[in-house]
Amino acid sequence: MNTITLVKLINSLLPDEKILEDVSCALNSELEKGGFNNLAREEVPPKNAPSEVLTKRFIMNNYETGFGNHYVSKVAVGGVERYRNGVVIPKYFFATLYYTEDLRLITVDFEDEAE
């Protein structure tokens, strides 16, 4: 199996549309609760702010861990504001989505910095 085949497989299993829908639901839920006080950004995104999927990956663990085998996706909330020297700056902040091996959403973490 080559890289192109793996990319197609991950994209078919975890399409951008699913990720964007999940991040939108989590974002709107946090906004309704008055969240994001823990982030450095003073500007809060509007409800249903557009976002952009940056990465998707599958993590295989040989030992039992908290999430076991799982998928992770990094999203730029508000889209990409700047991209310079290999560094992506989101308009608002990043969201990291964690999915089980069978693609159920585990959690969404909102953060100022990329990993």
Protein backbone atom coordinates (compact mmCIF):
# COMPACT_ATOMS: atom_id res chain seq x y z
CA MET A 1 0.00 0.00 0.00
CA ASN A 2 1.47 3.37 -0.95
CA THR A 3 0.98 6.84 0.53
CA ILE A 4 -1.62 7.90 -2.03
CA THR A 5 -3.72 4.85 -1.16
CA LEU A 6 -3.44 5.60 2.57
CA VAL A 7 -4.44 9.23 2.05
CA LYS A 8 -7.48 8.19 0.02
CA LEU A 9 -8.44 5.64 2.68
CA ILE A 10 -8.20 8.12 5.56
CA ASN A 11 -10.14 10.72 3.54
CA SER A 12 -12.89 8.22 2.78
CA LEU A 13 -13.11 7.03 6.40
CA LEU A 14 -12.90 10.50 7.94
CA PRO A 15 -14.07 13.06 5.37
CA ASP A 16 -13.48 16.78 5.88
CA GLU A 17 -17.26 17.34 5.96
CA LYS A 18 -17.61 15.15 9.07
CA ILE A 19 -14.74 16.91 10.83
CA LEU A 20 -16.07 20.37 9.98
CA GLU A 21 -19.57 19.44 11.14
CA ASP A 22 -18.17 18.08 14.43
CA VAL A 23 -16.00 21.14 15.08
CA SER A 24 -18.91 23.45 14.26
CA CYS A 25 -21.16 21.65 16.77
CA ALA A 26 -18.46 21.78 19.46
CA LEU A 27 -17.69 25.44 18.74
CA ASN A 28 -21.36 26.45 18.89
CA SER A 29 -21.83 24.50 22.12
CA GLU A 30 -18.85 26.27 23.72
CA LEU A 31 -20.11 29.65 22.53
CA GLU A 32 -23.53 28.98 24.07
CA LYS A 33 -21.81 28.17 27.38
CA GLY A 34 -19.69 31.35 27.18
CA GLY A 35 -16.50 29.32 26.76
CA PHE A 36 -13.01 30.11 25.48
CA ASN A 37 -11.94 32.08 28.55
CA ASN A 38 -8.88 29.84 28.75
CA LEU A 39 -7.58 31.00 25.35
CA ALA A 40 -5.33 34.01 24.84
CA ARG A 41 -7.31 35.36 21.87
CA GLU A 42 -9.62 38.20 22.85
CA GLU A 43 -11.67 37.94 19.66
CA VAL A 44 -14.28 35.19 19.92
CA PRO A 45 -15.43 33.53 16.71
CA PRO A 46 -19.06 33.95 15.65
CA LYS A 47 -21.44 31.01 15.75
CA ASN A 48 -20.90 28.74 12.72
CA ALA A 49 -17.53 30.35 11.97
CA PRO A 50 -15.91 28.71 8.93
CA SER A 51 -13.03 26.36 9.64
CA GLU A 52 -10.38 24.55 7.64
CA VAL A 53 -9.09 21.00 8.15
CA LEU A 54 -5.30 21.08 8.41
CA THR A 55 -4.35 17.50 9.25
CA LYS A 56 -5.75 14.02 9.75
CA ARG A 57 -3.89 11.07 11.16
CA PHE A 58 -4.43 7.59 12.50
CA ILE A 59 -2.57 6.60 15.66
CA MET A 60 -1.92 2.92 16.20
CA ASN A 61 -0.86 1.94 19.71
CA ASN A 62 0.83 -1.37 20.43
CA TYR A 63 -0.08 -1.05 24.10
CA GLU A 64 -3.38 -0.21 25.78
CA THR A 65 -3.59 3.57 26.21
CA GLY A 66 -6.32 6.05 27.05
CA PHE A 67 -7.66 6.40 23.52
CA GLY A 68 -6.25 3.15 22.13
CA ASN A 69 -6.02 3.20 18.34
CA HIS A 70 -7.59 6.46 17.22
CA TYR A 71 -7.84 9.25 14.66
CA VAL A 72 -6.85 12.87 15.25
CA SER A 73 -7.61 15.94 13.15
CA LYS A 74 -6.30 19.50 13.53
CA VAL A 75 -8.58 22.33 12.37
CA ALA A 76 -8.01 26.08 11.99
CA VAL A 77 -11.11 27.74 13.48
CA GLY A 78 -11.98 30.72 11.32
CA GLY A 79 -9.74 29.34 8.57
CA VAL A 80 -6.07 30.04 7.96
CA GLU A 81 -5.18 33.69 8.54
CA ARG A 82 -1.51 33.37 7.62
CA TYR A 83 0.85 30.69 6.41
CA ARG A 84 4.51 31.57 6.55
CA ASN A 85 7.67 29.47 6.67
CA GLY A 86 5.66 26.29 7.23
CA VAL A 87 3.71 27.78 10.16
CA VAL A 88 -0.08 28.02 10.02
CA ILE A 89 -1.77 30.80 11.97
CA PRO A 90 -5.55 30.37 12.37
CA LYS A 91 -7.89 33.34 12.38
CA TYR A 92 -9.08 32.47 15.89
CA PHE A 93 -7.46 29.30 17.29
CA PHE A 94 -6.97 25.60 16.65
CA ALA A 95 -9.31 22.70 17.40
CA THR A 96 -8.03 19.15 17.78
CA LEU A 97 -10.64 16.44 17.33
CA TYR A 98 -10.10 12.90 18.61
CA TYR A 99 -12.06 9.96 17.19
CA THR A 100 -12.25 6.31 18.22
CA GLU A 101 -11.03 3.60 15.91
CA ASP A 102 -14.61 3.23 14.68
CA LEU A 103 -14.82 7.02 14.08
CA ARG A 104 -16.94 8.12 17.04
CA LEU A 105 -15.97 11.58 18.32
CA ILE A 106 -14.21 11.34 21.69
CA THR A 107 -13.44 14.99 22.43
CA VAL A 108 -12.60 18.35 20.91
CA ASP A 109 -9.79 20.46 22.39
CA PHE A 110 -9.56 24.16 21.55
CA GLU A 111 -6.08 25.65 21.87
CA ASP A 112 -4.03 28.68 20.90
CA GLU A 113 -0.95 26.81 19.73
CA ALA A 114 -0.42 23.91 17.35
CA GLU A 115 1.21 20.81 18.82
